[in-house]
């Protein structure tokens, strides 16, 4: 059954897109990796993720990456790096 609420599969991330995401996230690493769980930190993280989303999508105008997909990709990249 195909419903209107199904998520359309995105194009795979290219190595260039992954590299760009890594570079951007490393710029904001202190905020993204902050272990504090208060409203100020949450607001800062949300703000930083919105900046990252804008930069990722500006760099790749043919593909719009939703914020949720960008966050998941970053977590996957970090996890993959820890395996080595």
Protein backbone atom coordinates (compact mmCIF):
# COMPACT_ATOMS: atom_id res chain seq x y z
CA UNK A 1 0.00 0.00 0.00
CA UNK A 2 1.35 3.37 -0.86
CA UNK A 3 -0.08 6.11 1.24
CA UNK A 4 0.44 9.83 0.99
CA UNK A 5 2.35 9.77 4.28
CA UNK A 6 5.14 7.54 2.98
CA UNK A 7 8.60 9.03 3.11
CA UNK A 8 10.15 9.30 -0.33
CA UNK A 9 13.59 7.74 -0.53
CA UNK A 10 16.33 10.33 -0.85
CA UNK A 11 19.29 10.09 -3.16
CA UNK A 12 22.34 8.56 -1.48
CA UNK A 13 24.85 10.93 0.06
CA UNK A 14 27.89 11.46 -2.13
CA UNK A 15 31.39 11.36 -0.62
CA UNK A 16 31.62 15.12 -1.27
CA UNK A 17 28.37 15.75 0.66
CA UNK A 18 29.60 13.59 3.54
CA UNK A 19 32.90 15.48 3.66
CA UNK A 20 31.08 18.82 3.66
CA UNK A 21 28.82 17.66 6.49
CA UNK A 22 31.86 16.50 8.51
CA UNK A 23 33.59 19.85 8.01
CA UNK A 24 30.54 21.83 9.10
CA UNK A 25 29.79 19.64 12.12
CA UNK A 26 33.40 19.79 13.27
CA UNK A 27 33.14 23.59 13.31
CA UNK A 28 30.28 23.28 15.80
CA UNK A 29 31.55 20.20 17.61
CA UNK A 30 31.68 21.80 21.06
CA UNK A 31 27.98 22.65 20.93
CA UNK A 32 26.87 19.41 19.25
CA UNK A 33 28.79 17.18 21.67
CA UNK A 34 27.82 19.11 24.78
CA UNK A 35 26.59 16.74 27.47
CA UNK A 36 24.60 19.43 29.29
CA UNK A 37 20.86 18.95 29.17
CA UNK A 38 19.34 22.33 29.89
CA UNK A 39 17.15 24.66 27.89
CA UNK A 40 20.01 26.96 26.87
CA UNK A 41 22.08 24.09 25.49
CA UNK A 42 19.06 22.63 23.72
CA UNK A 43 18.33 26.00 22.09
CA UNK A 44 21.96 26.35 21.02
CA UNK A 45 21.98 22.85 19.54
CA UNK A 46 18.72 23.49 17.68
CA UNK A 47 20.13 26.74 16.33
CA UNK A 48 23.38 25.08 15.24
CA UNK A 49 21.51 22.24 13.52
CA UNK A 50 19.45 24.82 11.58
CA UNK A 51 22.68 26.51 10.47
CA UNK A 52 24.10 23.15 9.41
CA UNK A 53 20.90 22.32 7.53
CA UNK A 54 21.07 25.63 5.65
CA UNK A 55 24.75 25.15 4.77
CA UNK A 56 24.27 21.56 3.59
CA UNK A 57 21.32 22.51 1.40
CA UNK A 58 23.03 25.65 0.06
CA UNK A 59 26.04 23.60 -1.02
CA UNK A 60 23.86 21.03 -2.83
CA UNK A 61 21.04 22.98 -4.47
CA UNK A 62 19.75 19.99 -6.46
CA UNK A 63 19.00 17.99 -3.32
CA UNK A 64 17.13 19.13 -0.22
CA UNK A 65 18.22 17.24 2.88
CA UNK A 66 15.71 17.51 5.74
CA UNK A 67 17.17 18.29 9.15
CA UNK A 68 16.22 14.87 10.49
CA UNK A 69 18.21 13.15 7.71
CA UNK A 70 21.23 15.39 8.33
CA UNK A 71 21.26 14.57 12.05
CA UNK A 72 20.93 10.85 11.36
CA UNK A 73 23.73 10.99 8.80
CA UNK A 74 26.03 12.79 11.25
CA UNK A 75 25.32 10.20 13.96
CA UNK A 76 26.02 7.39 11.48
CA UNK A 77 29.29 9.00 10.36
CA UNK A 78 30.42 9.39 13.98
CA UNK A 79 29.48 5.81 14.75
CA UNK A 80 31.33 4.53 11.70
CA UNK A 81 34.43 6.50 12.70
CA UNK A 82 34.40 4.95 16.19
CA UNK A 83 34.55 1.46 14.65
CA UNK A 84 38.10 2.11 13.48
